[in-house]
C-alpha atoms as a PDB file:
ATOM      1  CA  MET A   1      27.181-162.505  75.690  1.00  0.00           C
ATOM      2  CA  ALA A   2      28.943-163.533  78.887  1.00  0.00           C
ATOM      3  CA  GLU A   3      27.371-166.680  80.260  1.00  0.00           C
ATOM      4  CA  GLY A   4      28.013-169.743  82.336  1.00  0.00           C
ATOM      5  CA  GLN A   5      31.596-168.902  83.206  1.00  0.00           C
ATOM      6  CA  GLN A   6      33.325-170.991  85.832  1.00  0.00           C
ATOM      7  CA  VAL A   7      34.416-168.295  88.303  1.00  0.00           C
ATOM      8  CA  PRO A   8      35.932-168.534  91.800  1.00  0.00           C
ATOM      9  CA  GLU A   9      32.743-167.796  93.643  1.00  0.00           C
ATOM     10  CA  ILE A  10      31.154-169.690  96.502  1.00  0.00           C
ATOM     11  CA  ASP A  11      28.525-172.367  96.199  1.00  0.00           C
ATOM     12  CA  ALA A  12      25.120-171.192  97.407  1.00  0.00           C
ATOM     13  CA  GLU A  13      24.947-174.046  99.924  1.00  0.00           C
ATOM     14  CA  GLN A  14      28.125-172.716 101.617  1.00  0.00           C
ATOM     15  CA  TYR A  15      26.818-169.182 101.930  1.00  0.00           C
ATOM     16  CA  ALA A  16      25.501-169.343 105.476  1.00  0.00           C
ATOM     17  CA  ALA A  17      28.642-170.946 106.899  1.00  0.00           C
ATOM     18  CA  LEU A  18      30.991-168.575 105.131  1.00  0.00           C
ATOM     19  CA  LYS A  19      28.905-165.551 106.129  1.00  0.00           C
ATOM     20  CA  ALA A  20      29.268-166.580 109.756  1.00  0.00           C
ATOM     21  CA  ASN A  21      33.068-166.901 109.551  1.00  0.00           C
ATOM     22  CA  PRO A  22      34.598-163.791 111.250  1.00  0.00           C
ATOM     23  CA  LYS A  23      37.782-164.056 109.189  1.00  0.00           C
ATOM     24  CA  LEU A  24      35.952-163.708 105.879  1.00  0.00           C
ATOM     25  CA  GLU A  25      34.203-160.943 103.998  1.00  0.00           C
ATOM     26  CA  LEU A  26      31.537-161.806 101.434  1.00  0.00           C
ATOM     27  CA  VAL A  27      31.317-159.460  98.499  1.00  0.00           C
ATOM     28  CA  LYS A  28      28.279-159.559  96.193  1.00  0.00           C
ATOM     29  CA  PRO A  29      28.887-158.645  92.534  1.00  0.00           C
ATOM     30  CA  THR A  30      26.719-155.770  91.432  1.00  0.00           C
ATOM     31  CA  PRO A  31      24.338-155.666  89.661  1.00  0.00           C
ATOM     32  CA  ALA A  32      22.854-159.142  89.727  1.00  0.00           C
ATOM     33  CA  MET A  33      23.032-161.877  87.088  1.00  0.00           C
ATOM     34  CA  MET A  34      19.973-163.233  85.264  1.00  0.00           C
ATOM     35  CA  VAL A  35      18.954-166.859  84.690  1.00  0.00           C
ATOM     36  CA  ASP A  36      17.203-167.542  81.388  1.00  0.00           C
ATOM     37  CA  LEU A  37      15.210-170.424  79.894  1.00  0.00           C
ATOM     38  CA  HIS A  38      15.712-170.673  76.139  1.00  0.00           C
ATOM     39  CA  LEU A  39      13.303-172.367  73.715  1.00  0.00           C
ATOM     40  CA  ASN A  40      14.074-173.843  70.291  1.00  0.00           C
ATOM     41  CA  HIS A  41      11.732-172.188  67.796  1.00  0.00           C
ATOM     42  CA  LEU A  42      12.892-174.168  64.764  1.00  0.00           C
ATOM     43  CA  VAL A  43      11.456-177.555  65.741  1.00  0.00           C
ATOM     44  CA  ALA A  44       8.266-178.888  67.301  1.00  0.00           C
ATOM     45  CA  PRO A  45       6.661-178.209  69.636  1.00  0.00           C
ATOM     46  CA  PHE A  46       7.957-174.640  70.318  1.00  0.00           C
ATOM     47  CA  ASN A  47       7.704-173.621  66.711  1.00  0.00           C
ATOM     48  CA  ASN A  48       4.067-173.130  67.778  1.00  0.00           C
ATOM     49  CA  PRO A  49       3.941-169.864  69.833  1.00  0.00           C
ATOM     50  CA  LYS A  50       0.955-171.074  71.835  1.00  0.00           C
ATOM     51  CA  ILE A  51       2.858-174.098  73.056  1.00  0.00           C
ATOM     52  CA  ALA A  52       5.869-171.885  73.850  1.00  0.00           C
ATOM     53  CA  ARG A  53       3.626-169.609  75.919  1.00  0.00           C
ATOM     54  CA  ALA A  54       2.214-172.640  77.752  1.00  0.00           C
ATOM     55  CA  ALA A  55       5.742-173.646  78.729  1.00  0.00           C
ATOM     56  CA  ILE A  56       6.605-170.320  80.288  1.00  0.00           C
ATOM     57  CA  MET A  57       3.267-170.222  82.084  1.00  0.00           C
ATOM     58  CA  ALA A  58       4.555-173.257  83.986  1.00  0.00           C
ATOM     59  CA  ILE A  59       7.474-171.295  85.392  1.00  0.00           C
ATOM     60  CA  ASN A  60       7.636-170.798  89.147  1.00  0.00           C
ATOM     61  CA  GLN A  61      10.505-168.329  89.628  1.00  0.00           C
ATOM     62  CA  GLU A  62      10.516-168.619  93.392  1.00  0.00           C
ATOM     63  CA  ALA A  63      10.753-172.435  93.317  1.00  0.00           C
ATOM     64  CA  LEU A  64      13.451-172.439  90.645  1.00  0.00           C
ATOM     65  CA  MET A  65      15.620-169.806  92.322  1.00  0.00           C
ATOM     66  CA  ARG A  66      15.192-171.217  95.813  1.00  0.00           C
ATOM     67  CA  ALA A  67      16.254-174.689  94.618  1.00  0.00           C
ATOM     68  CA  GLN A  68      19.436-173.366  93.060  1.00  0.00           C
ATOM     69  CA  MET A  69      20.414-170.472  95.327  1.00  0.00           C
ATOM     70  CA  VAL A  70      19.023-171.789  98.676  1.00  0.00           C
ATOM     71  CA  ASN A  71      19.323-168.543 100.625  1.00  0.00           C
ATOM     72  CA  LYS A  72      16.882-165.721  99.975  1.00  0.00           C
ATOM     73  CA  ASP A  73      19.738-163.211 100.272  1.00  0.00           C
ATOM     74  CA  LEU A  74      21.081-164.481  96.975  1.00  0.00           C
ATOM     75  CA  TYR A  75      18.135-164.247  94.580  1.00  0.00           C
ATOM     76  CA  ARG A  76      14.934-162.499  93.606  1.00  0.00           C
ATOM     77  CA  ALA A  77      12.061-163.110  91.217  1.00  0.00           C
ATOM     78  CA  CYS A  78      12.088-160.783  88.197  1.00  0.00           C
ATOM     79  CA  THR A  79       9.811-160.952  85.160  1.00  0.00           C
ATOM     80  CA  SER A  80      11.461-158.123  83.233  1.00  0.00           C
ATOM     81  CA  LEU A  81      13.661-158.994  80.250  1.00  0.00           C
ATOM     82  CA  TYR A  82      15.916-156.170  81.387  1.00  0.00           C
ATOM     83  CA  LEU A  83      17.366-156.334  84.875  1.00  0.00           C
ATOM     84  CA  CYS A  84      14.917-155.341  87.583  1.00  0.00           C
ATOM     85  CA  ASP A  85      15.793-151.931  89.074  1.00  0.00           C
ATOM     86  CA  SER A  86      17.640-150.936  85.921  1.00  0.00           C
ATOM     87  CA  PRO A  87      16.459-147.884  83.876  1.00  0.00           C
ATOM     88  CA  LEU A  88      14.644-149.983  81.279  1.00  0.00           C
ATOM     89  CA  ALA A  89      13.116-152.546  83.667  1.00  0.00           C
ATOM     90  CA  SER A  90       9.584-153.180  82.556  1.00  0.00           C
ATOM     91  CA  SER A  91       6.416-154.612  84.062  1.00  0.00           C
ATOM     92  CA  GLU A  92       4.864-155.161  80.601  1.00  0.00           C
ATOM     93  CA  THR A  93       4.797-158.942  80.730  1.00  0.00           C
ATOM     94  CA  ALA A  94       1.255-159.741  79.484  1.00  0.00           C
ATOM     95  CA  TYR A  95       0.301-163.205  80.749  1.00  0.00           C
ATOM     96  CA  PHE A  96       3.695-164.013  82.323  1.00  0.00           C
ATOM     97  CA  THR A  97       3.724-163.568  86.091  1.00  0.00           C
ATOM     98  CA  GLY A  98       6.673-165.725  87.147  1.00  0.00           C
ATOM     99  CA  LYS A  99       4.162-167.844  89.093  1.00  0.00           C
ATOM    100  CA  PRO A 100       2.807-171.186  87.854  1.00  0.00           C
ATOM    101  CA  GLN A 101      -0.435-171.146  85.906  1.00  0.00           C
ATOM    102  CA  PHE A 102      -0.925-174.877  85.298  1.00  0.00           C
ATOM    103  CA  ALA A 103      -4.627-174.869  84.452  1.00  0.00           C
ATOM    104  CA  ALA A 104      -4.202-172.089  81.896  1.00  0.00           C
ATOM    105  CA  ALA A 105      -1.135-173.814  80.440  1.00  0.00           C
ATOM    106  CA  LYS A 106      -3.002-177.103  80.035  1.00  0.00           C
ATOM    107  CA  ALA A 107      -5.880-175.328  78.319  1.00  0.00           C
ATOM    108  CA  LEU A 108      -3.479-173.615  75.936  1.00  0.00           C
ATOM    109  CA  LEU A 109      -1.769-176.908  75.133  1.00  0.00           C
ATOM    110  CA  LYS A 110      -5.116-178.480  74.289  1.00  0.00           C
ATOM    111  CA  GLU A 111      -6.050-175.502  72.109  1.00  0.00           C
ATOM    112  CA  ALA A 112      -2.691-175.667  70.330  1.00  0.00           C
ATOM    113  CA  GLY A 113      -2.992-179.381  69.646  1.00  0.00           C
ATOM    114  CA  TYR A 114       0.078-180.532  71.598  1.00  0.00           C
ATOM    115  CA  ASP A 115       0.465-184.233  70.776  1.00  0.00           C
ATOM    116  CA  GLY A 116       2.413-185.283  73.859  1.00  0.00           C
ATOM    117  CA  LYS A 117       5.749-185.582  72.098  1.00  0.00           C
ATOM    118  CA  PRO A 118       8.563-185.338  74.645  1.00  0.00           C
ATOM    119  CA  VAL A 119      10.302-181.987  74.986  1.00  0.00           C
ATOM    120  CA  VAL A 120      14.047-182.383  75.464  1.00  0.00           C
ATOM    121  CA  LEU A 121      15.388-180.330  78.374  1.00  0.00           C
ATOM    122  CA  LEU A 122      19.180-180.164  78.477  1.00  0.00           C
ATOM    123  CA  TYR A 123      20.662-180.735  81.929  1.00  0.00           C
ATOM    124  CA  PRO A 124      24.271-179.664  82.621  1.00  0.00           C
ATOM    125  CA  ALA A 125      24.646-181.916  85.636  1.00  0.00           C
ATOM    126  CA  ASP A 126      28.262-180.919  86.384  1.00  0.00           C
ATOM    127  CA  PHE A 127      27.723-177.150  86.432  1.00  0.00           C
ATOM    128  CA  ALA A 128      27.028-176.082  90.036  1.00  0.00           C
ATOM    129  CA  VAL A 129      25.654-172.625  89.163  1.00  0.00           C
ATOM    130  CA  LEU A 130      22.851-174.130  87.034  1.00  0.00           C
ATOM    131  CA  ASN A 131      22.313-177.793  87.789  1.00  0.00           C
ATOM    132  CA  LYS A 132      19.356-177.426  90.144  1.00  0.00           C
ATOM    133  CA  PHE A 133      17.201-175.565  87.599  1.00  0.00           C
ATOM    134  CA  PRO A 134      16.477-178.340  85.050  1.00  0.00           C
ATOM    135  CA  PRO A 135      15.078-180.915  87.516  1.00  0.00           C
ATOM    136  CA  VAL A 136      12.684-178.337  88.983  1.00  0.00           C
ATOM    137  CA  MET A 137      11.752-177.050  85.534  1.00  0.00           C
ATOM    138  CA  ALA A 138      11.053-180.588  84.378  1.00  0.00           C
ATOM    139  CA  GLN A 139       8.537-181.104  87.195  1.00  0.00           C
ATOM    140  CA  LEU A 140       6.887-177.731  86.494  1.00  0.00           C
ATOM    141  CA  LEU A 141       6.486-178.600  82.806  1.00  0.00           C
ATOM    142  CA  LYS A 142       5.015-181.989  83.673  1.00  0.00           C
ATOM    143  CA  GLN A 143       2.462-180.308  85.926  1.00  0.00           C
ATOM    144  CA  ALA A 144       1.502-178.073  83.006  1.00  0.00           C
ATOM    145  CA  GLY A 145       0.858-181.101  80.790  1.00  0.00           C
ATOM    146  CA  PHE A 146       4.157-181.562  78.961  1.00  0.00           C
ATOM    147  CA  ASN A 147       5.933-184.851  78.412  1.00  0.00           C
ATOM    148  CA  VAL A 148       9.526-184.066  79.438  1.00  0.00           C
ATOM    149  CA  ASP A 149      12.761-185.834  78.513  1.00  0.00           C
ATOM    150  CA  MET A 150      15.488-184.336  80.685  1.00  0.00           C
ATOM    151  CA  GLN A 151      18.870-185.369  79.316  1.00  0.00           C
ATOM    152  CA  ALA A 152      21.931-185.108  81.570  1.00  0.00           C
ATOM    153  CA  MET A 153      25.329-184.104  80.186  1.00  0.00           C
ATOM    154  CA  ASP A 154      28.344-181.963  81.112  1.00  0.00           C
ATOM    155  CA  TRP A 155      28.349-178.210  80.497  1.00  0.00           C
ATOM    156  CA  THR A 156      30.704-178.416  77.514  1.00  0.00           C
ATOM    157  CA  THR A 157      28.529-181.004  75.812  1.00  0.00           C
ATOM    158  CA  MET A 158      25.466-178.857  76.387  1.00  0.00           C
ATOM    159  CA  MET A 159      27.210-175.859  74.835  1.00  0.00           C
ATOM    160  CA  MET A 160      27.843-177.961  71.744  1.00  0.00           C
ATOM    161  CA  ARG A 161      24.417-179.643  71.725  1.00  0.00           C
ATOM    162  CA  ARG A 162      22.506-176.386  71.705  1.00  0.00           C
ATOM    163  CA  THR A 163      24.065-175.491  68.331  1.00  0.00           C
ATOM    164  CA  SER A 164      22.149-178.354  66.702  1.00  0.00           C
ATOM    165  CA  LYS A 165      19.133-177.439  64.553  1.00  0.00           C
ATOM    166  CA  ALA A 166      18.067-181.079  64.242  1.00  0.00           C
ATOM    167  CA  PRO A 167      14.717-182.345  65.654  1.00  0.00           C
ATOM    168  CA  SER A 168      14.935-183.033  69.373  1.00  0.00           C
ATOM    169  CA  ASP A 169      14.616-186.804  68.839  1.00  0.00           C
ATOM    170  CA  LYS A 170      17.550-186.761  66.388  1.00  0.00           C
ATOM    171  CA  GLY A 171      20.202-185.099  68.539  1.00  0.00           C
ATOM    172  CA  GLY A 172      18.606-181.667  68.843  1.00  0.00           C
ATOM    173  CA  TRP A 173      16.930-180.003  71.805  1.00  0.00           C
ATOM    174  CA  ASN A 174      13.895-178.009  72.947  1.00  0.00           C
ATOM    175  CA  LEU A 175      14.924-176.186  76.159  1.00  0.00           C
ATOM    176  CA  PHE A 176      17.989-175.204  78.131  1.00  0.00           C
ATOM    177  CA  HIS A 177      18.898-172.888  81.006  1.00  0.00           C
ATOM    178  CA  THR A 178      21.839-170.525  81.128  1.00  0.00           C
ATOM    179  CA  TRP A 179      22.795-167.344  82.928  1.00  0.00           C
ATOM    180  CA  THR A 180      23.957-164.039  81.600  1.00  0.00           C
ATOM    181  CA  SER A 181      26.060-161.278  83.115  1.00  0.00           C
ATOM    182  CA  ALA A 182      24.294-158.128  84.215  1.00  0.00           C
ATOM    183  CA  PRO A 183      25.554-155.638  81.584  1.00  0.00           C
ATOM    184  CA  ASP A 184      24.216-157.850  78.794  1.00  0.00           C
ATOM    185  CA  MET A 185      20.667-157.568  80.148  1.00  0.00           C
ATOM    186  CA  LEU A 186      20.394-153.819  80.606  1.00  0.00           C
ATOM    187  CA  SER A 187      19.103-152.886  77.149  1.00  0.00           C
ATOM    188  CA  PRO A 188      18.286-154.194  73.656  1.00  0.00           C
ATOM    189  CA  ALA A 189      21.737-153.050  72.567  1.00  0.00           C
ATOM    190  CA  LEU A 190      23.522-155.975  74.292  1.00  0.00           C
ATOM    191  CA  ASN A 191      20.688-158.417  74.931  1.00  0.00           C
ATOM    192  CA  ILE A 192      21.580-160.836  72.126  1.00  0.00           C
ATOM    193  CA  PRO A 193      18.949-163.527  72.913  1.00  0.00           C
ATOM    194  CA  LEU A 194      16.239-160.889  72.587  1.00  0.00           C
ATOM    195  CA  ARG A 195      16.670-160.732  68.822  1.00  0.00           C
ATOM    196  CA  GLY A 196      14.094-162.219  66.452  1.00  0.00           C
ATOM    197  CA  ASN A 197      16.182-162.468  63.306  1.00  0.00           C
ATOM    198  CA  GLY A 198      15.688-166.179  62.637  1.00  0.00           C
ATOM    199  CA  ALA A 199      18.750-168.087  61.476  1.00  0.00           C
ATOM    200  CA  LYS A 200      20.969-165.213  62.582  1.00  0.00           C
ATOM    201  CA  ALA A 201      19.469-165.121  66.082  1.00  0.00           C
ATOM    202  CA  TRP A 202      20.973-166.674  69.214  1.00  0.00           C
ATOM    203  CA  PHE A 203      20.413-170.348  70.021  1.00  0.00           C
ATOM    204  CA  GLY A 204      16.695-170.994  69.655  1.00  0.00           C
ATOM    205  CA  TRP A 205      16.517-168.989  66.438  1.00  0.00           C
ATOM    206  CA  PRO A 206      13.195-167.117  66.865  1.00  0.00           C
ATOM    207  CA  THR A 207      11.791-165.190  63.928  1.00  0.00           C
ATOM    208  CA  ASP A 208       9.835-162.034  64.730  1.00  0.00           C
ATOM    209  CA  ALA A 209       9.873-159.202  62.173  1.00  0.00           C
ATOM    210  CA  LYS A 210       7.979-156.802  64.446  1.00  0.00           C
ATOM    211  CA  LEU A 211      10.447-157.393  67.285  1.00  0.00           C
ATOM    212  CA  GLU A 212      13.312-156.589  64.928  1.00  0.00           C
ATOM    213  CA  GLU A 213      11.575-153.380  63.802  1.00  0.00           C
ATOM    214  CA  LEU A 214      11.109-152.264  67.391  1.00  0.00           C
ATOM    215  CA  ILE A 215      14.729-152.967  68.285  1.00  0.00           C
ATOM    216  CA  ASP A 216      15.866-151.012  65.235  1.00  0.00           C
ATOM    217  CA  ALA A 217      13.643-148.101  66.299  1.00  0.00           C
ATOM    218  CA  TRP A 218      15.124-148.262  69.811  1.00  0.00           C
ATOM    219  CA  PHE A 219      18.643-147.868  68.380  1.00  0.00           C
ATOM    220  CA  LYS A 220      17.561-144.844  66.378  1.00  0.00           C
ATOM    221  CA  ALA A 221      15.745-143.141  69.286  1.00  0.00           C
ATOM    222  CA  SER A 222      17.813-140.465  70.994  1.00  0.00           C
ATOM    223  CA  ASP A 223      15.260-139.385  73.610  1.00  0.00           C
ATOM    224  CA  PRO A 224      15.417-141.437  76.852  1.00  0.00           C
ATOM    225  CA  ALA A 225      11.635-141.308  77.253  1.00  0.00           C
ATOM    226  CA  MET A 226      11.148-142.718  73.755  1.00  0.00           C
ATOM    227  CA  GLN A 227      13.760-145.396  74.410  1.00  0.00           C
ATOM    228  CA  LYS A 228      11.891-146.450  77.539  1.00  0.00           C
ATOM    229  CA  LYS A 229       8.572-146.560  75.626  1.00  0.00           C
ATOM    230  CA  LEU A 230      10.151-148.669  72.895  1.00  0.00           C
ATOM    231  CA  ALA A 231      11.814-150.961  75.474  1.00  0.00           C
ATOM    232  CA  ASP A 232       8.357-151.648  76.938  1.00  0.00           C
ATOM    233  CA  GLU A 233       6.993-152.396  73.467  1.00  0.00           C
ATOM    234  CA  ILE A 234       9.945-154.691  72.742  1.00  0.00           C
ATOM    235  CA  GLN A 235       9.228-156.652  75.898  1.00  0.00           C
ATOM    236  CA  THR A 236       5.512-156.895  75.132  1.00  0.00           C
ATOM    237  CA  GLU A 237       6.267-158.227  71.654  1.00  0.00           C
ATOM    238  CA  ALA A 238       8.912-160.613  72.946  1.00  0.00           C
ATOM    239  CA  TYR A 239       6.458-162.276  75.306  1.00  0.00           C
ATOM    240  CA  LYS A 240       4.204-163.058  72.333  1.00  0.00           C
ATOM    241  CA  GLU A 241       6.847-165.109  70.511  1.00  0.00           C
ATOM    242  CA  VAL A 242       8.984-165.992  73.562  1.00  0.00           C
ATOM    243  CA  PRO A 243      12.601-165.884  72.313  1.00  0.00           C
ATOM    244  CA  TYR A 244      13.546-166.662  75.914  1.00  0.00           C
ATOM    245  CA  VAL A 245      12.187-166.028  79.401  1.00  0.00           C
ATOM    246  CA  PRO A 246      13.870-164.937  82.648  1.00  0.00           C
ATOM    247  CA  THR A 247      13.579-167.283  85.604  1.00  0.00           C
ATOM    248  CA  GLY A 248      15.017-164.799  88.070  1.00  0.00           C
ATOM    249  CA  GLN A 249      18.064-162.816  89.192  1.00  0.00           C
ATOM    250  CA  PHE A 250      20.846-163.919  91.487  1.00  0.00           C
ATOM    251  CA  VAL A 251      24.171-162.998  92.986  1.00  0.00           C
ATOM    252  CA  VAL A 252      26.966-165.415  93.773  1.00  0.00           C
ATOM    253  CA  PRO A 253      29.176-163.768  96.426  1.00  0.00           C
ATOM    254  CA  THR A 254      32.925-164.158  96.497  1.00  0.00           C
ATOM    255  CA  ALA A 255      34.542-164.902  99.860  1.00  0.00           C
ATOM    256  CA  TYR A 256      37.770-163.068 100.734  1.00  0.00           C
ATOM    257  CA  ARG A 257      39.957-163.113 103.772  1.00  0.00           C
ATOM    258  CA  LYS A 258      39.699-159.774 105.577  1.00  0.00           C
ATOM    259  CA  ASN A 259      43.461-159.247 105.386  1.00  0.00           C
ATOM    260  CA  LEU A 260      43.232-158.561 101.633  1.00  0.00           C
ATOM    261  CA  ASP A 261      43.053-155.125 100.074  1.00  0.00           C
ATOM    262  CA  GLY A 262      42.282-153.820  96.550  1.00  0.00           C
ATOM    263  CA  ILE A 263      39.229-155.986  95.865  1.00  0.00           C
ATOM    264  CA  ILE A 264      37.389-154.728  92.780  1.00  0.00           C
ATOM    265  CA  ILE A 265      33.594-154.886  93.084  1.00  0.00           C
ATOM    266  CA  ALA A 266      32.134-155.700  89.673  1.00  0.00           C
ATOM    267  CA  PRO A 267      29.658-158.044  87.938  1.00  0.00           C
ATOM    268  CA  VAL A 268      32.463-160.628  87.616  1.00  0.00           C
ATOM    269  CA  VAL A 269      35.522-161.500  89.684  1.00  0.00           C
ATOM    270  CA  PHE A 270      38.781-159.722  88.789  1.00  0.00           C
ATOM    271  CA  LEU A 271      41.862-161.529  90.128  1.00  0.00           C
ATOM    272  CA  TRP A 272      44.268-158.600  90.065  1.00  0.00           C
ATOM    273  CA  ASN A 273      45.010-155.474  92.095  1.00  0.00           C
ATOM    274  CA  VAL A 274      44.823-157.574  95.275  1.00  0.00           C
ATOM    275  CA  GLU A 275      47.392-157.497  98.069  1.00  0.00           C
ATOM    276  CA  LYS A 276      47.673-158.328 101.726  1.00  0.00           C
ATOM    277  CA  LYS A 277      47.093-155.467 104.152  1.00  0.00           C
END
């Protein structure tokens, strides 16, 4: 799973100025990347699926993406677990709309018996591609009725911290954002965070036997129509247990001088095959 790589791409806040520079060409990687919010299913409170669903009902994709990416050219809302506009993109998202549903979230929290214990949201303050998401997400969660403890750290520390299975008040965690490269989000074959195989799953460790059965069936299906049907069913099941949730798609353009040739257009930046014209 390719994620969070420090690549030589422009900061979103520089986009407008660089786009206006006649000596530069801005190239957008294709297809887009996806930003994800991951929940820890081993410890309270997100070991309760109702509380997990309440958290994602607080998500405002437009607000999150606008805060981080600034310019509308660089992002879009997308509620599909597979990239929007890809062959398996699905609208089967049940209650999740990508728009905030604070009243419904508060009601679900009350029904689930949320006790007000702080949820620890990891905040990689030094990582420019992600560091606007946690502050906005913290406010959204608070509006939904959560008590939020946003803890700042560097990206490397967050990468280590998320491996902890300890309770959140003993060095563990409840939530973190990351981003994944486009090819990883095109199907269940490469979408590692989509798995529900418990201790063997990606960080967050969700357990969902039905989800695993559906993914296994998808691998065995040879007919594209059946694969699409199963992909929809996988997404429907995933939104019940919430292994993770997308907060939107984005592109981070790379700026090149126009006197360069051999630029390779791809989901990531390749620093070879380039020469001056």
